Amino acid sequence: MQNTSLDTQLDLLESQLNALSASLLEGSPDTLVSGSAALQRLAVDLVRVTGGKGLEQLKQARQRRRVRVLATGLANLRENLLRQMAYVDRALEIVVPATRDKSTYAGSGAYGQPVRQSGAFSVLAA
């Protein structure tokens, strides 16, 4: 009976991870927030089902393999979310550039200076 609930939990986690990956590709922030919360709840439920023992309780190689695939998928999703975050931060630096007044904006962002303004040359050489 325990294996059935564990397999069901793994199925739910896999489907939620796939849905979250699809919403990342779509670029829907609301879906990402709700999907991330659901994925977190399912991960906590998986820990409860396994009794907190992790992979030690999984006697079947198939279940261990599924958990490893889930872990790899989560790592890939996290990396892609970090890439998307860097992309958004960079775009915001261009739209709302940092100024010299540190009371308004805190200098350059985490990813360096925004793109330099074109068309304003201080020195021209022939």
C-alpha atoms as a PDB file:
ATOM      1  CA  MET A   1       0.000   0.000   0.000  1.00  0.00           C
ATOM      2  CA  GLN A   2       2.885   2.358   0.797  1.00  0.00           C
ATOM      3  CA  ASN A   3       4.345   1.911  -2.696  1.00  0.00           C
ATOM      4  CA  THR A   4       1.038   2.910  -4.279  1.00  0.00           C
ATOM      5  CA  SER A   5       0.867   6.186  -2.362  1.00  0.00           C
ATOM      6  CA  LEU A   6       4.545   6.815  -3.089  1.00  0.00           C
ATOM      7  CA  ASP A   7       4.039   6.167  -6.804  1.00  0.00           C
ATOM      8  CA  THR A   8       1.001   8.445  -6.798  1.00  0.00           C
ATOM      9  CA  GLN A   9       3.000  11.180  -5.088  1.00  0.00           C
ATOM     10  CA  LEU A  10       5.807  10.819  -7.624  1.00  0.00           C
ATOM     11  CA  ASP A  11       3.263  11.025 -10.459  1.00  0.00           C
ATOM     12  CA  LEU A  12       1.849  14.242  -9.009  1.00  0.00           C
ATOM     13  CA  LEU A  13       5.316  15.725  -8.614  1.00  0.00           C
ATOM     14  CA  GLU A  14       6.288  14.849 -12.180  1.00  0.00           C
ATOM     15  CA  SER A  15       3.139  16.363 -13.639  1.00  0.00           C
ATOM     16  CA  GLN A  16       3.523  19.540 -11.567  1.00  0.00           C
ATOM     17  CA  LEU A  17       7.176  19.877 -12.591  1.00  0.00           C
ATOM     18  CA  ASN A  18       6.189  19.528 -16.256  1.00  0.00           C
ATOM     19  CA  ALA A  19       3.418  22.113 -15.840  1.00  0.00           C
ATOM     20  CA  LEU A  20       5.824  24.513 -14.135  1.00  0.00           C
ATOM     21  CA  SER A  21       8.376  24.078 -16.923  1.00  0.00           C
ATOM     22  CA  ALA A  22       5.675  24.823 -19.498  1.00  0.00           C
ATOM     23  CA  SER A  23       4.591  27.965 -17.642  1.00  0.00           C
ATOM     24  CA  LEU A  24       8.212  29.144 -17.565  1.00  0.00           C
ATOM     25  CA  LEU A  25       8.349  28.781 -21.348  1.00  0.00           C
ATOM     26  CA  GLU A  26       5.083  30.708 -21.668  1.00  0.00           C
ATOM     27  CA  GLY A  27       6.415  33.502 -19.477  1.00  0.00           C
ATOM     28  CA  SER A  28       3.371  33.642 -17.216  1.00  0.00           C
ATOM     29  CA  PRO A  29       4.487  34.988 -13.809  1.00  0.00           C
ATOM     30  CA  ASP A  30       1.158  34.280 -12.056  1.00  0.00           C
ATOM     31  CA  THR A  31       1.223  30.667 -13.158  1.00  0.00           C
ATOM     32  CA  LEU A  32       4.856  30.383 -12.028  1.00  0.00           C
ATOM     33  CA  VAL A  33       4.001  31.611  -8.531  1.00  0.00           C
ATOM     34  CA  SER A  34       1.027  29.309  -8.044  1.00  0.00           C
ATOM     35  CA  GLY A  35       2.815  26.366  -9.683  1.00  0.00           C
ATOM     36  CA  SER A  36       5.886  26.832  -7.487  1.00  0.00           C
ATOM     37  CA  ALA A  37       3.754  26.839  -4.353  1.00  0.00           C
ATOM     38  CA  ALA A  38       1.978  23.663  -5.492  1.00  0.00           C
ATOM     39  CA  LEU A  39       5.301  21.984  -6.286  1.00  0.00           C
ATOM     40  CA  GLN A  40       6.620  22.881  -2.845  1.00  0.00           C
ATOM     41  CA  ARG A  41       3.528  21.421  -1.158  1.00  0.00           C
ATOM     42  CA  LEU A  42       3.897  18.214  -3.167  1.00  0.00           C
ATOM     43  CA  ALA A  43       7.582  17.934  -2.232  1.00  0.00           C
ATOM     44  CA  VAL A  44       6.713  18.305   1.457  1.00  0.00           C
ATOM     45  CA  ASP A  45       4.018  15.650   1.045  1.00  0.00           C
ATOM     46  CA  LEU A  46       6.594  13.327  -0.539  1.00  0.00           C
ATOM     47  CA  VAL A  47       8.851  13.746   2.484  1.00  0.00           C
ATOM     48  CA  ARG A  48       5.900  12.894   4.732  1.00  0.00           C
ATOM     49  CA  VAL A  49       5.068   9.800   2.673  1.00  0.00           C
ATOM     50  CA  THR A  50       8.661   8.557   2.848  1.00  0.00           C
ATOM     51  CA  GLY A  51       8.784   9.231   6.569  1.00  0.00           C
ATOM     52  CA  GLY A  52      11.737  11.597   6.193  1.00  0.00           C
ATOM     53  CA  LYS A  53      14.114   8.748   5.318  1.00  0.00           C
ATOM     54  CA  GLY A  54      14.630   9.862   1.730  1.00  0.00           C
ATOM     55  CA  LEU A  55      16.046   7.415  -0.800  1.00  0.00           C
ATOM     56  CA  GLU A  56      16.767   4.820   1.911  1.00  0.00           C
ATOM     57  CA  GLN A  57      13.086   3.875   2.030  1.00  0.00           C
ATOM     58  CA  LEU A  58      12.836   3.409  -1.717  1.00  0.00           C
ATOM     59  CA  LYS A  59      13.546  -0.271  -2.190  1.00  0.00           C
ATOM     60  CA  GLN A  60      12.631  -0.388  -5.858  1.00  0.00           C
ATOM     61  CA  ALA A  61      15.242   0.843  -8.314  1.00  0.00           C
ATOM     62  CA  ARG A  62      12.467   2.309 -10.468  1.00  0.00           C
ATOM     63  CA  GLN A  63      11.364   4.636  -7.654  1.00  0.00           C
ATOM     64  CA  ARG A  64      14.930   5.719  -6.914  1.00  0.00           C
ATOM     65  CA  ARG A  65      15.420   6.469 -10.595  1.00  0.00           C
ATOM     66  CA  ARG A  66      12.216   8.538 -10.690  1.00  0.00           C
ATOM     67  CA  VAL A  67      13.352  10.567  -7.685  1.00  0.00           C
ATOM     68  CA  ARG A  68      16.746  11.180  -9.319  1.00  0.00           C
ATOM     69  CA  VAL A  69      15.042  12.320 -12.531  1.00  0.00           C
ATOM     70  CA  LEU A  70      12.832  14.644 -10.473  1.00  0.00           C
ATOM     71  CA  ALA A  71      15.882  16.079  -8.717  1.00  0.00           C
ATOM     72  CA  THR A  72      17.591  16.706 -12.047  1.00  0.00           C
ATOM     73  CA  GLY A  73      14.436  18.303 -13.427  1.00  0.00           C
ATOM     74  CA  LEU A  74      14.170  20.577 -10.394  1.00  0.00           C
ATOM     75  CA  ALA A  75      17.801  21.627 -10.753  1.00  0.00           C
ATOM     76  CA  ASN A  76      17.251  22.426 -14.440  1.00  0.00           C
ATOM     77  CA  LEU A  77      14.085  24.369 -13.641  1.00  0.00           C
ATOM     78  CA  ARG A  78      15.883  26.353 -10.946  1.00  0.00           C
ATOM     79  CA  GLU A  79      18.712  27.190 -13.341  1.00  0.00           C
ATOM     80  CA  ASN A  80      16.256  28.345 -15.987  1.00  0.00           C
ATOM     81  CA  LEU A  81      14.402  30.467 -13.436  1.00  0.00           C
ATOM     82  CA  LEU A  82      17.688  32.103 -12.440  1.00  0.00           C
ATOM     83  CA  ARG A  83      18.450  32.814 -16.100  1.00  0.00           C
ATOM     84  CA  GLN A  84      15.018  34.368 -16.545  1.00  0.00           C
ATOM     85  CA  MET A  85      15.553  36.469 -13.413  1.00  0.00           C
ATOM     86  CA  ALA A  86      18.894  37.735 -14.733  1.00  0.00           C
ATOM     87  CA  TYR A  87      17.260  38.578 -18.059  1.00  0.00           C
ATOM     88  CA  VAL A  88      14.483  40.556 -16.336  1.00  0.00           C
ATOM     89  CA  ASP A  89      16.958  42.338 -14.043  1.00  0.00           C
ATOM     90  CA  ARG A  90      19.065  43.341 -17.022  1.00  0.00           C
ATOM     91  CA  ALA A  91      16.019  44.640 -18.892  1.00  0.00           C
ATOM     92  CA  LEU A  92      14.991  46.668 -15.853  1.00  0.00           C
ATOM     93  CA  GLU A  93      18.472  48.202 -15.629  1.00  0.00           C
ATOM     94  CA  ILE A  94      18.055  49.440 -19.189  1.00  0.00           C
ATOM     95  CA  VAL A  95      14.546  50.804 -18.661  1.00  0.00           C
ATOM     96  CA  VAL A  96      15.268  52.357 -15.250  1.00  0.00           C
ATOM     97  CA  PRO A  97      18.999  53.132 -15.353  1.00  0.00           C
ATOM     98  CA  ALA A  98      20.989  53.751 -12.214  1.00  0.00           C
ATOM     99  CA  THR A  99      21.854  57.382 -11.585  1.00  0.00           C
ATOM    100  CA  ARG A 100      24.694  58.969  -9.703  1.00  0.00           C
ATOM    101  CA  ASP A 101      22.324  59.839  -6.862  1.00  0.00           C
ATOM    102  CA  LYS A 102      22.627  56.803  -4.582  1.00  0.00           C
ATOM    103  CA  SER A 103      19.561  57.818  -2.582  1.00  0.00           C
ATOM    104  CA  THR A 104      17.303  57.053  -5.560  1.00  0.00           C
ATOM    105  CA  TYR A 105      18.959  53.974  -7.079  1.00  0.00           C
ATOM    106  CA  ALA A 106      21.651  51.911  -5.457  1.00  0.00           C
ATOM    107  CA  GLY A 107      24.392  52.399  -8.064  1.00  0.00           C
ATOM    108  CA  SER A 108      25.006  49.700 -10.609  1.00  0.00           C
ATOM    109  CA  GLY A 109      22.989  46.535 -10.317  1.00  0.00           C
ATOM    110  CA  ALA A 110      24.131  43.002  -9.760  1.00  0.00           C
ATOM    111  CA  TYR A 111      24.991  42.573 -13.430  1.00  0.00           C
ATOM    112  CA  GLY A 112      27.129  45.659 -14.078  1.00  0.00           C
ATOM    113  CA  GLN A 113      26.376  48.917 -15.793  1.00  0.00           C
ATOM    114  CA  PRO A 114      23.487  49.266 -18.229  1.00  0.00           C
ATOM    115  CA  VAL A 115      24.136  49.827 -21.911  1.00  0.00           C
ATOM    116  CA  ARG A 116      25.905  53.108 -22.652  1.00  0.00           C
ATOM    117  CA  GLN A 117      23.994  55.821 -24.413  1.00  0.00           C
ATOM    118  CA  SER A 118      24.791  56.035 -28.091  1.00  0.00           C
ATOM    119  CA  GLY A 119      25.150  59.289 -29.990  1.00  0.00           C
ATOM    120  CA  ALA A 120      26.975  61.181 -27.258  1.00  0.00           C
ATOM    121  CA  PHE A 121      30.679  61.301 -28.069  1.00  0.00           C
ATOM    122  CA  SER A 122      33.109  63.218 -25.887  1.00  0.00           C
ATOM    123  CA  VAL A 123      36.093  62.831 -28.208  1.00  0.00           C
ATOM    124  CA  LEU A 124      36.210  62.429 -31.961  1.00  0.00           C
ATOM    125  CA  ALA A 125      39.451  61.431 -33.643  1.00  0.00           C
ATOM    126  CA  ALA A 126      40.137  61.417 -37.361  1.00  0.00           C
END
